[in-house]
Amino acid sequence: MVVTVKFVGSLRSLAGKGKLAMELGKMASLMEVMKRMAEESPKLKPALANSKAGMLILVNGKEVSVLNGLETMLKDGDEVVFVPVIHGG
């Protein structure tokens, strides 16, 4: 199966590209995909490790908190978008 992953803002710089197609042999959870991305792109690892506080994650346009969080199962053709969240005050 193939999942499209998109990076927005500063995450695009860390990833070195705005979009990639991930080939997965079977169904995988969002967490499994994030672990694989961290292994394949060490610059992304800190951002992915702090994903709960530092970014908005969408699967097919829905924020993962309304799905099954990081345990959301992905299927062929899904689109995952990572958007950094900047806090200020």
N, C-alpha and C. Protein backbone atom coordinates (compact mmCIF):
# COMPACT_ATOMS: atom_id res chain seq x y z
N MET A 1 0.85 -1.18 0.00
CA MET A 1 0.00 0.00 0.00
C MET A 1 0.88 1.23 0.00
N VAL A 2 0.34 2.33 -0.51
CA VAL A 2 1.08 3.59 -0.58
C VAL A 2 0.28 4.67 0.14
N VAL A 3 0.98 5.41 1.01
CA VAL A 3 0.40 6.53 1.76
C VAL A 3 1.16 7.78 1.36
N THR A 4 0.44 8.87 1.08
CA THR A 4 1.08 10.15 0.77
C THR A 4 1.27 10.93 2.07
N VAL A 5 2.48 11.42 2.28
CA VAL A 5 2.80 12.21 3.47
C VAL A 5 3.21 13.60 3.00
N LYS A 6 2.58 14.64 3.59
CA LYS A 6 2.90 16.02 3.25
C LYS A 6 3.42 16.74 4.49
N PHE A 7 4.39 17.63 4.27
CA PHE A 7 4.98 18.43 5.35
C PHE A 7 4.74 19.91 5.04
N VAL A 8 4.32 20.66 6.04
CA VAL A 8 4.03 22.08 5.88
C VAL A 8 5.01 22.88 6.73
N GLY A 9 5.32 24.09 6.30
CA GLY A 9 6.14 25.03 7.07
C GLY A 9 7.54 24.50 7.37
N SER A 10 7.97 24.68 8.61
CA SER A 10 9.33 24.29 9.01
C SER A 10 9.57 22.80 8.87
N LEU A 11 8.53 21.99 8.92
CA LEU A 11 8.70 20.54 8.76
C LEU A 11 9.15 20.20 7.35
N ARG A 12 8.75 21.02 6.38
CA ARG A 12 9.18 20.82 5.00
C ARG A 12 10.70 20.95 4.90
N SER A 13 11.25 21.93 5.61
CA SER A 13 12.71 22.11 5.61
C SER A 13 13.41 20.92 6.25
N LEU A 14 12.87 20.45 7.38
CA LEU A 14 13.48 19.31 8.07
C LEU A 14 13.42 18.04 7.22
N ALA A 15 12.31 17.86 6.53
CA ALA A 15 12.14 16.66 5.70
C ALA A 15 12.93 16.75 4.40
N GLY A 16 13.23 17.98 3.97
CA GLY A 16 13.95 18.17 2.72
C GLY A 16 13.05 18.10 1.50
N LYS A 17 11.73 17.97 1.74
CA LYS A 17 10.75 17.93 0.65
C LYS A 17 9.37 18.20 1.24
N GLY A 18 8.45 18.58 0.41
CA GLY A 18 7.10 18.88 0.87
C GLY A 18 6.16 17.69 0.85
N LYS A 19 6.55 16.67 0.07
CA LYS A 19 5.63 15.54 -0.10
C LYS A 19 6.44 14.29 -0.42
N LEU A 20 5.95 13.16 0.09
CA LEU A 20 6.57 11.90 -0.26
C LEU A 20 5.53 10.79 -0.27
N ALA A 21 5.80 9.77 -1.02
CA ALA A 21 4.94 8.59 -1.06
C ALA A 21 5.65 7.50 -0.29
N MET A 22 4.99 6.99 0.75
CA MET A 22 5.57 5.91 1.56
C MET A 22 4.95 4.59 1.15
N GLU A 23 5.80 3.68 0.77
CA GLU A 23 5.36 2.33 0.43
C GLU A 23 5.37 1.50 1.70
N LEU A 24 4.20 0.99 2.06
CA LEU A 24 4.07 0.16 3.25
C LEU A 24 3.59 -1.21 2.81
N GLY A 25 4.15 -2.25 3.37
CA GLY A 25 3.79 -3.59 2.96
C GLY A 25 2.42 -4.04 3.42
N LYS A 26 1.92 -3.41 4.48
CA LYS A 26 0.64 -3.82 5.05
C LYS A 26 0.01 -2.62 5.73
N MET A 27 -1.16 -2.82 6.28
CA MET A 27 -1.76 -1.72 7.04
C MET A 27 -0.84 -1.36 8.18
N ALA A 28 -0.77 -0.08 8.47
CA ALA A 28 0.11 0.39 9.54
C ALA A 28 -0.58 1.52 10.29
N SER A 29 -0.22 1.66 11.55
CA SER A 29 -0.76 2.77 12.34
C SER A 29 0.04 4.04 12.02
N LEU A 30 -0.54 5.17 12.34
CA LEU A 30 0.14 6.44 12.17
C LEU A 30 1.44 6.44 12.96
N MET A 31 1.43 5.88 14.17
CA MET A 31 2.64 5.82 15.00
C MET A 31 3.74 5.02 14.31
N GLU A 32 3.39 3.91 13.69
CA GLU A 32 4.39 3.10 12.98
C GLU A 32 5.01 3.88 11.82
N VAL A 33 4.18 4.61 11.11
CA VAL A 33 4.67 5.42 9.99
C VAL A 33 5.60 6.52 10.51
N MET A 34 5.23 7.15 11.61
CA MET A 34 6.06 8.21 12.18
C MET A 34 7.41 7.66 12.65
N LYS A 35 7.42 6.47 13.24
CA LYS A 35 8.69 5.85 13.66
C LYS A 35 9.57 5.59 12.46
N ARG A 36 8.98 5.10 11.39
CA ARG A 36 9.76 4.83 10.18
C ARG A 36 10.31 6.13 9.59
N MET A 37 9.50 7.19 9.58
CA MET A 37 9.98 8.48 9.06
C MET A 37 11.14 9.00 9.90
N ALA A 38 11.06 8.83 11.23
CA ALA A 38 12.14 9.28 12.11
C ALA A 38 13.43 8.51 11.83
N GLU A 39 13.32 7.23 11.53
CA GLU A 39 14.49 6.42 11.21
C GLU A 39 15.10 6.83 9.87
N GLU A 40 14.25 7.11 8.90
CA GLU A 40 14.71 7.43 7.56
C GLU A 40 15.15 8.88 7.41
N SER A 41 14.67 9.76 8.27
CA SER A 41 15.01 11.18 8.20
C SER A 41 15.32 11.70 9.60
N PRO A 42 16.56 11.53 10.06
CA PRO A 42 16.93 11.91 11.42
C PRO A 42 16.63 13.36 11.80
N LYS A 43 16.61 14.27 10.83
CA LYS A 43 16.29 15.67 11.12
C LYS A 43 14.85 15.82 11.60
N LEU A 44 13.97 14.93 11.17
CA LEU A 44 12.56 14.97 11.58
C LEU A 44 12.33 14.38 12.97
N LYS A 45 13.27 13.56 13.43
CA LYS A 45 13.07 12.80 14.66
C LYS A 45 12.64 13.65 15.86
N PRO A 46 13.31 14.79 16.16
CA PRO A 46 12.87 15.60 17.31
C PRO A 46 11.44 16.12 17.17
N ALA A 47 11.07 16.55 15.98
CA ALA A 47 9.71 17.08 15.77
C ALA A 47 8.67 15.97 15.92
N LEU A 48 8.99 14.78 15.41
CA LEU A 48 8.05 13.67 15.50
C LEU A 48 7.94 13.15 16.92
N ALA A 49 9.04 13.21 17.67
CA ALA A 49 9.02 12.74 19.06
C ALA A 49 8.15 13.65 19.93
N ASN A 50 8.05 14.92 19.55
CA ASN A 50 7.27 15.89 20.31
C ASN A 50 5.96 16.20 19.59
N SER A 51 5.42 15.23 18.88
CA SER A 51 4.28 15.47 18.01
C SER A 51 3.01 15.91 18.74
N LYS A 52 2.81 15.48 19.96
CA LYS A 52 1.57 15.85 20.66
C LYS A 52 1.50 17.34 20.94
N ALA A 53 2.63 17.95 21.27
CA ALA A 53 2.63 19.37 21.60
C ALA A 53 3.01 20.26 20.43
N GLY A 54 3.73 19.71 19.45
CA GLY A 54 4.32 20.56 18.45
C GLY A 54 3.73 20.55 17.06
N MET A 55 2.70 19.72 16.81
CA MET A 55 2.17 19.72 15.47
C MET A 55 0.73 19.21 15.40
N LEU A 56 0.10 19.63 14.35
CA LEU A 56 -1.25 19.18 14.02
C LEU A 56 -1.07 18.08 12.97
N ILE A 57 -1.75 16.96 13.17
CA ILE A 57 -1.63 15.86 12.22
C ILE A 57 -3.02 15.56 11.66
N LEU A 58 -3.10 15.56 10.34
CA LEU A 58 -4.36 15.30 9.65
C LEU A 58 -4.25 14.02 8.84
N VAL A 59 -5.29 13.21 8.87
CA VAL A 59 -5.38 12.04 8.00
C VAL A 59 -6.63 12.23 7.16
N ASN A 60 -6.41 12.34 5.87
CA ASN A 60 -7.51 12.59 4.93
C ASN A 60 -8.34 13.80 5.35
N GLY A 61 -7.65 14.85 5.83
CA GLY A 61 -8.31 16.11 6.18
C GLY A 61 -8.93 16.15 7.56
N LYS A 62 -8.82 15.06 8.33
CA LYS A 62 -9.38 15.04 9.69
C LYS A 62 -8.26 15.01 10.72
N GLU A 63 -8.39 15.86 11.72
CA GLU A 63 -7.40 15.89 12.80
C GLU A 63 -7.45 14.55 13.54
N VAL A 64 -6.28 13.99 13.86
CA VAL A 64 -6.23 12.63 14.39
C VAL A 64 -6.91 12.48 15.75
N SER A 65 -7.11 13.58 16.48
CA SER A 65 -7.78 13.46 17.78
C SER A 65 -9.24 13.05 17.62
N VAL A 66 -9.85 13.29 16.45
CA VAL A 66 -11.23 12.86 16.22
C VAL A 66 -11.27 11.46 15.60
N LEU A 67 -10.09 10.92 15.31
CA LEU A 67 -9.99 9.56 14.81
C LEU A 67 -9.55 8.68 15.98
N ASN A 68 -8.43 8.02 15.83
CA ASN A 68 -7.93 7.16 16.90
C ASN A 68 -6.53 7.60 17.33
N GLY A 69 -6.27 8.91 17.25
CA GLY A 69 -4.97 9.43 17.65
C GLY A 69 -3.85 8.80 16.84
N LEU A 70 -2.72 8.58 17.49
CA LEU A 70 -1.56 8.00 16.80
C LEU A 70 -1.76 6.52 16.48
N GLU A 71 -2.80 5.93 17.02
CA GLU A 71 -3.13 4.53 16.71
C GLU A 71 -4.05 4.42 15.48
N THR A 72 -4.36 5.55 14.85
CA THR A 72 -5.19 5.53 13.63
C THR A 72 -4.54 4.62 12.60
N MET A 73 -5.30 3.67 12.10
CA MET A 73 -4.79 2.76 11.08
C MET A 73 -4.92 3.42 9.70
N LEU A 74 -3.83 3.35 8.96
CA LEU A 74 -3.80 3.94 7.62
C LEU A 74 -4.05 2.85 6.59
N LYS A 75 -4.64 3.27 5.47
CA LYS A 75 -4.90 2.33 4.39
C LYS A 75 -4.39 2.90 3.07
N ASP A 76 -4.37 2.07 2.08
CA ASP A 76 -3.86 2.47 0.77
C ASP A 76 -4.56 3.74 0.27
N GLY A 77 -3.75 4.70 -0.16
CA GLY A 77 -4.29 5.93 -0.72
C GLY A 77 -4.51 7.04 0.29
N ASP A 78 -4.32 6.78 1.58
CA ASP A 78 -4.52 7.81 2.60
C ASP A 78 -3.49 8.93 2.44
N GLU A 79 -3.88 10.12 2.90
CA GLU A 79 -2.99 11.27 2.90
C GLU A 79 -2.81 11.74 4.34
N VAL A 80 -1.56 11.84 4.76
CA VAL A 80 -1.21 12.32 6.10
C VAL A 80 -0.50 13.65 5.95
N VAL A 81 -0.95 14.66 6.69
CA VAL A 81 -0.35 15.99 6.62
C VAL A 81 0.13 16.39 8.01
N PHE A 82 1.39 16.82 8.09
CA PHE A 82 1.97 17.30 9.34
C PHE A 82 2.12 18.81 9.26
N VAL A 83 1.49 19.51 10.22
CA VAL A 83 1.50 20.98 10.25
C VAL A 83 2.09 21.42 11.58
N PRO A 84 3.20 22.17 11.59
CA PRO A 84 3.76 22.63 12.85
C PRO A 84 2.83 23.66 13.50
N VAL A 85 2.78 23.61 14.81
CA VAL A 85 1.96 24.56 15.57
C VAL A 85 2.92 25.47 16.33
N ILE A 86 2.74 26.77 16.15
CA ILE A 86 3.59 27.74 16.82
C ILE A 86 2.78 28.42 17.90
N HIS A 87 3.31 28.40 19.11
CA HIS A 87 2.64 29.04 20.24
C HIS A 87 3.36 30.34 20.59
N GLY A 88 2.62 31.28 21.00
CA GLY A 88 3.23 32.55 21.41
C GLY A 88 2.38 33.22 22.45
N GLY A 89 2.85 34.31 22.93
CA GLY A 89 2.05 34.97 23.95
C GLY A 89 2.47 36.38 24.18
